[in-house]
Amino acid sequence: MGELIAKLFGSIGKIWRANDKLFDAVTAVSGSGPTYIFLAIEALADVGVAACLPRELALGLASQTVLGAATMVTKSGKHPGQLKDDVASPGGTTIAGIHELEKGGFRGTLMNAVVAAANRGQELSQAK
């Protein structure tokens, strides 16, 4: 049965096998994670609109940017930090934006969201 499920899901995406003890963490990253990316896409699109882009163009740019970035991570073999460094030129626009994200605690906030989701998953599984 496990092989059939792996074949079925493998036909539409990449699959990983993980120990049952990791289920809450897996759910927090891959189950809840898309919603965090949806929020990022929405925020990028909203700021595009704030900068006078038409909504459809802003949303298209934002979603394709995320798709392109995800493709680069999966196909390049490079660590995301290396890809970030490759794009962020000294004194440029990207590093200025990264600085603002870091001041706002972007990574820590995202990490805290995943930890909260994993903790909630544990709570829900213990309540059964």
Protein backbone atom coordinates (compact mmCIF):
# COMPACT_ATOMS: atom_id res chain seq x y z
CA MET A 1 0.00 0.00 0.00
CA GLY A 2 2.83 2.41 0.86
CA GLU A 3 4.42 1.95 -2.55
CA LEU A 4 1.10 2.63 -4.29
CA ILE A 5 0.68 5.87 -2.35
CA ALA A 6 4.28 6.86 -3.08
CA LYS A 7 3.76 6.19 -6.79
CA LEU A 8 0.51 8.16 -6.83
CA PHE A 9 1.90 11.23 -5.05
CA GLY A 10 5.25 10.92 -6.82
CA SER A 11 3.47 11.41 -10.11
CA ILE A 12 2.41 14.94 -9.11
CA GLY A 13 5.39 16.04 -7.02
CA LYS A 14 8.40 15.08 -4.98
CA ILE A 15 7.86 12.85 -1.97
CA TRP A 16 9.92 12.21 1.13
CA ARG A 17 9.65 9.50 3.72
CA ALA A 18 9.85 10.59 7.33
CA ASN A 19 9.56 8.96 10.72
CA ASP A 20 6.09 9.29 12.29
CA LYS A 21 7.63 11.34 15.13
CA LEU A 22 8.36 14.08 12.59
CA PHE A 23 4.76 14.37 11.37
CA ASP A 24 3.96 17.60 13.25
CA ALA A 25 7.12 19.28 11.93
CA VAL A 26 6.45 18.04 8.39
CA THR A 27 2.89 19.36 8.59
CA ALA A 28 4.11 22.71 9.96
CA VAL A 29 6.55 23.20 7.07
CA SER A 30 4.78 21.61 4.09
CA GLY A 31 1.16 21.71 5.21
CA SER A 32 1.04 25.22 6.66
CA GLY A 33 3.97 26.59 4.68
CA PRO A 34 2.05 27.28 1.47
CA THR A 35 -0.20 29.68 3.37
CA TYR A 36 2.83 31.67 4.52
CA ILE A 37 3.96 31.88 0.91
CA PHE A 38 0.44 32.97 -0.12
CA LEU A 39 0.77 35.82 2.39
CA ALA A 40 4.15 36.77 0.92
CA ILE A 41 2.73 36.75 -2.61
CA GLU A 42 -0.21 38.85 -1.48
CA ALA A 43 2.09 41.33 0.25
CA LEU A 44 4.34 41.62 -2.81
CA ALA A 45 1.30 42.17 -5.03
CA ASP A 46 -0.17 44.74 -2.64
CA VAL A 47 3.03 46.74 -2.55
CA GLY A 48 3.15 46.56 -6.35
CA VAL A 49 -0.32 48.10 -6.43
CA ALA A 50 0.85 50.73 -3.92
CA ALA A 51 3.65 51.51 -6.39
CA CYS A 52 1.02 52.07 -9.14
CA LEU A 53 1.15 48.67 -10.86
CA PRO A 54 -2.20 47.31 -12.02
CA ARG A 55 -3.40 44.54 -9.66
CA GLU A 56 -3.23 41.78 -12.30
CA LEU A 57 0.33 42.72 -13.25
CA ALA A 58 1.43 43.01 -9.62
CA LEU A 59 -0.03 39.60 -8.75
CA GLY A 60 1.47 38.01 -11.85
CA LEU A 61 4.91 39.42 -11.06
CA ALA A 62 4.71 38.39 -7.42
CA SER A 63 3.55 34.84 -8.09
CA GLN A 64 6.04 34.27 -10.91
CA THR A 65 8.81 35.66 -8.72
CA VAL A 66 8.04 33.07 -6.04
CA LEU A 67 7.74 30.31 -8.65
CA GLY A 68 11.05 31.33 -10.19
CA ALA A 69 12.79 31.48 -6.83
CA ALA A 70 11.45 28.04 -5.85
CA THR A 71 12.60 26.63 -9.19
CA MET A 72 16.08 28.07 -8.67
CA VAL A 73 16.32 26.46 -5.22
CA THR A 74 15.18 23.06 -6.45
CA LYS A 75 17.14 22.98 -9.70
CA SER A 76 20.37 24.88 -9.02
CA GLY A 77 21.67 22.72 -6.19
CA LYS A 78 22.65 25.92 -4.38
CA HIS A 79 21.70 26.78 -0.81
CA PRO A 80 19.06 29.54 -0.65
CA GLY A 81 21.56 31.73 1.21
CA GLN A 82 23.98 31.43 -1.70
CA LEU A 83 21.27 32.32 -4.19
CA LYS A 84 20.39 35.35 -2.04
CA ASP A 85 24.04 36.41 -1.99
CA ASP A 86 24.27 35.92 -5.76
CA VAL A 87 21.38 38.35 -6.30
CA ALA A 88 22.14 40.95 -3.62
CA SER A 89 24.78 43.20 -5.13
CA PRO A 90 26.78 45.52 -2.84
CA GLY A 91 24.87 48.72 -2.16
CA GLY A 92 21.98 47.62 -4.38
CA THR A 93 18.23 47.57 -4.11
CA THR A 94 17.99 43.93 -3.00
CA ILE A 95 20.36 44.27 -0.05
CA ALA A 96 18.50 47.43 1.01
CA GLY A 97 15.27 45.43 1.04
CA ILE A 98 16.92 42.51 2.87
CA HIS A 99 18.08 44.96 5.53
CA GLU A 100 14.47 46.09 6.09
CA LEU A 101 13.25 42.48 6.25
CA GLU A 102 15.90 41.65 8.83
CA LYS A 103 15.08 44.74 10.89
CA GLY A 104 11.48 43.54 10.95
CA GLY A 105 12.49 40.05 12.09
CA PHE A 106 11.35 38.35 8.88
CA ARG A 107 13.16 35.05 9.34
CA GLY A 108 12.51 34.84 13.06
CA THR A 109 8.81 35.55 12.54
CA LEU A 110 8.55 32.90 9.84
CA MET A 111 10.40 30.39 12.00
CA ASN A 112 8.13 31.20 14.96
CA ALA A 113 5.06 30.60 12.78
CA VAL A 114 6.31 27.13 11.83
CA VAL A 115 7.15 26.30 15.46
CA ALA A 116 3.66 27.46 16.51
CA ALA A 117 2.07 25.27 13.83
CA ALA A 118 4.13 22.25 14.91
CA ASN A 119 3.25 22.84 18.56
CA ARG A 120 -0.43 23.13 17.69
CA GLY A 121 -0.20 19.89 15.72
CA GLN A 122 1.21 18.17 18.80
CA GLU A 123 -1.58 19.60 20.94
CA LEU A 124 -4.23 18.39 18.52
CA SER A 125 -2.75 14.90 18.27
CA GLN A 126 -2.56 14.60 22.06
CA ALA A 127 -6.19 15.70 22.46
CA LYS A 128 -7.42 12.64 20.54
